[in-house]
């Protein structure tokens, strides 16, 4: 067996599964996958396709034992969770400032799987 000469890490990117066993965040929805803050309203619990939701209500579904949250972007609708015009998925940007720090503002040490000390290397010609 030959091991690689260098260990490869992804700069400023967290490999942890959001709301999974490594990322301990269990709070309210905070942002979309790009780090854009979400405006949240009422916690409506588990998603029900027969329920009408108001603007900024948030719901969850459970996938592989992990809660996935969605925030309503329309007033009085029953749109499918897969409709981006109706729902925004609460997701982590996988970056420290608009991912981890947004969810754990005063945690020391901050729970993160990111590699903040790494940097991108320039392409060698």
Protein backbone atom coordinates (compact mmCIF):
# COMPACT_ATOMS: atom_id res chain seq x y z
CA UNK A 1 0.00 0.00 0.00
CA UNK A 2 1.31 3.42 -0.95
CA UNK A 3 0.08 6.43 0.97
CA UNK A 4 -0.24 9.82 -0.72
CA UNK A 5 2.64 12.21 -0.19
CA UNK A 6 0.36 15.05 0.90
CA UNK A 7 -2.90 15.20 2.76
CA UNK A 8 -5.54 17.03 0.78
CA UNK A 9 -7.94 19.29 2.66
CA UNK A 10 -10.64 21.54 1.33
CA UNK A 11 -9.89 25.13 2.36
CA UNK A 12 -12.64 26.85 4.34
CA UNK A 13 -15.09 24.02 3.73
CA UNK A 14 -16.72 21.83 6.36
CA UNK A 15 -17.36 18.17 5.46
CA UNK A 16 -19.79 17.61 8.34
CA UNK A 17 -23.43 16.74 7.71
CA UNK A 18 -25.52 19.76 8.80
CA UNK A 19 -27.62 18.87 11.87
CA UNK A 20 -26.00 15.43 11.76
CA UNK A 21 -23.93 13.57 14.35
CA UNK A 22 -20.89 15.90 14.02
CA UNK A 23 -22.64 19.27 13.65
CA UNK A 24 -24.56 19.69 16.89
CA UNK A 25 -26.79 22.58 15.74
CA UNK A 26 -30.43 21.99 16.70
CA UNK A 27 -31.79 25.55 16.70
CA UNK A 28 -34.14 27.44 14.40
CA UNK A 29 -33.46 27.82 10.66
CA UNK A 30 -30.80 30.50 10.06
CA UNK A 31 -29.71 30.68 6.41
CA UNK A 32 -29.78 29.08 2.99
CA UNK A 33 -26.87 27.18 1.43
CA UNK A 34 -25.26 30.46 0.31
CA UNK A 35 -25.30 32.01 3.80
CA UNK A 36 -28.25 34.33 3.10
CA UNK A 37 -30.12 34.93 6.35
CA UNK A 38 -33.68 33.62 6.58
CA UNK A 39 -36.58 35.51 8.14
CA UNK A 40 -38.50 33.06 10.25
CA UNK A 41 -41.97 33.19 11.73
CA UNK A 42 -43.94 30.46 13.46
CA UNK A 43 -42.65 26.94 14.01
CA UNK A 44 -45.34 24.77 12.42
CA UNK A 45 -43.72 21.42 13.23
CA UNK A 46 -43.65 18.54 10.76
CA UNK A 47 -44.61 19.39 7.17
CA UNK A 48 -48.12 18.40 6.10
CA UNK A 49 -49.07 18.86 2.43
CA UNK A 50 -52.71 19.44 3.43
CA UNK A 51 -51.86 22.41 5.67
CA UNK A 52 -51.83 26.03 4.50
CA UNK A 53 -48.76 27.93 5.64
CA UNK A 54 -48.19 31.67 6.05
CA UNK A 55 -45.17 33.71 4.97
CA UNK A 56 -42.04 32.80 7.02
CA UNK A 57 -43.65 29.81 8.78
CA UNK A 58 -41.10 27.02 9.06
CA UNK A 59 -41.54 23.27 8.97
CA UNK A 60 -39.36 20.20 8.95
CA UNK A 61 -39.15 16.74 7.43
CA UNK A 62 -36.99 13.88 8.68
CA UNK A 63 -34.53 12.31 6.23
CA UNK A 64 -32.29 9.49 7.47
CA UNK A 65 -33.00 10.52 11.06
CA UNK A 66 -32.01 14.16 10.51
CA UNK A 67 -34.45 17.07 10.55
CA UNK A 68 -34.39 19.22 7.41
CA UNK A 69 -36.04 22.64 7.83
CA UNK A 70 -37.82 24.77 5.23
CA UNK A 71 -39.08 28.36 5.50
CA UNK A 72 -42.21 29.48 3.63
CA UNK A 73 -41.64 32.23 1.06
CA UNK A 74 -45.31 32.81 0.22
CA UNK A 75 -48.35 33.81 2.22
CA UNK A 76 -51.15 31.23 2.48
CA UNK A 77 -49.95 28.39 0.30
CA UNK A 78 -49.62 24.64 0.26
CA UNK A 79 -46.71 24.40 -2.20
CA UNK A 80 -44.50 21.32 -2.30
CA UNK A 81 -41.26 21.55 -0.31
CA UNK A 82 -39.35 21.05 -3.56
CA UNK A 83 -40.77 24.29 -5.03
CA UNK A 84 -38.07 26.99 -4.60
CA UNK A 85 -40.65 29.73 -5.21
CA UNK A 86 -42.58 28.55 -2.14
CA UNK A 87 -39.91 27.28 0.24
CA UNK A 88 -36.28 28.01 1.14
CA UNK A 89 -34.27 25.13 2.55
CA UNK A 90 -32.33 25.85 5.74
CA UNK A 91 -28.82 24.68 4.89
CA UNK A 92 -25.27 25.33 5.98
CA UNK A 93 -22.91 27.18 3.65
CA UNK A 94 -20.12 24.92 4.98
CA UNK A 95 -18.04 28.04 5.73
CA UNK A 96 -17.07 29.42 9.10
CA UNK A 97 -18.40 33.02 8.99
CA UNK A 98 -21.82 32.54 7.39
CA UNK A 99 -22.25 28.92 8.44
CA UNK A 100 -20.83 27.97 11.83
CA UNK A 101 -20.48 31.46 13.35
CA UNK A 102 -24.06 32.34 12.37
CA UNK A 103 -25.34 29.29 14.27
CA UNK A 104 -22.86 29.31 17.17
CA UNK A 105 -22.16 33.05 17.71
CA UNK A 106 -20.42 32.74 21.09
CA UNK A 107 -19.23 29.13 21.20
CA UNK A 108 -15.60 28.66 22.21
CA UNK A 109 -14.32 26.48 20.77
CA UNK A 110 -16.72 26.70 17.88
CA UNK A 111 -17.90 23.31 16.63
CA UNK A 112 -16.71 23.09 13.04
CA UNK A 113 -15.25 20.54 10.69
CA UNK A 114 -13.73 23.24 8.49
CA UNK A 115 -10.00 23.73 8.03
CA UNK A 116 -9.56 27.49 8.64
CA UNK A 117 -5.76 27.28 8.66
CA UNK A 118 -5.55 25.95 5.13
CA UNK A 119 -5.36 28.05 2.02
CA UNK A 120 -5.81 27.50 -1.64
CA UNK A 121 -2.56 27.01 -3.48
CA UNK A 122 -1.96 28.71 -6.83
CA UNK A 123 -2.03 26.49 -9.88
CA UNK A 124 1.45 25.45 -10.90
CA UNK A 125 2.11 25.96 -14.60
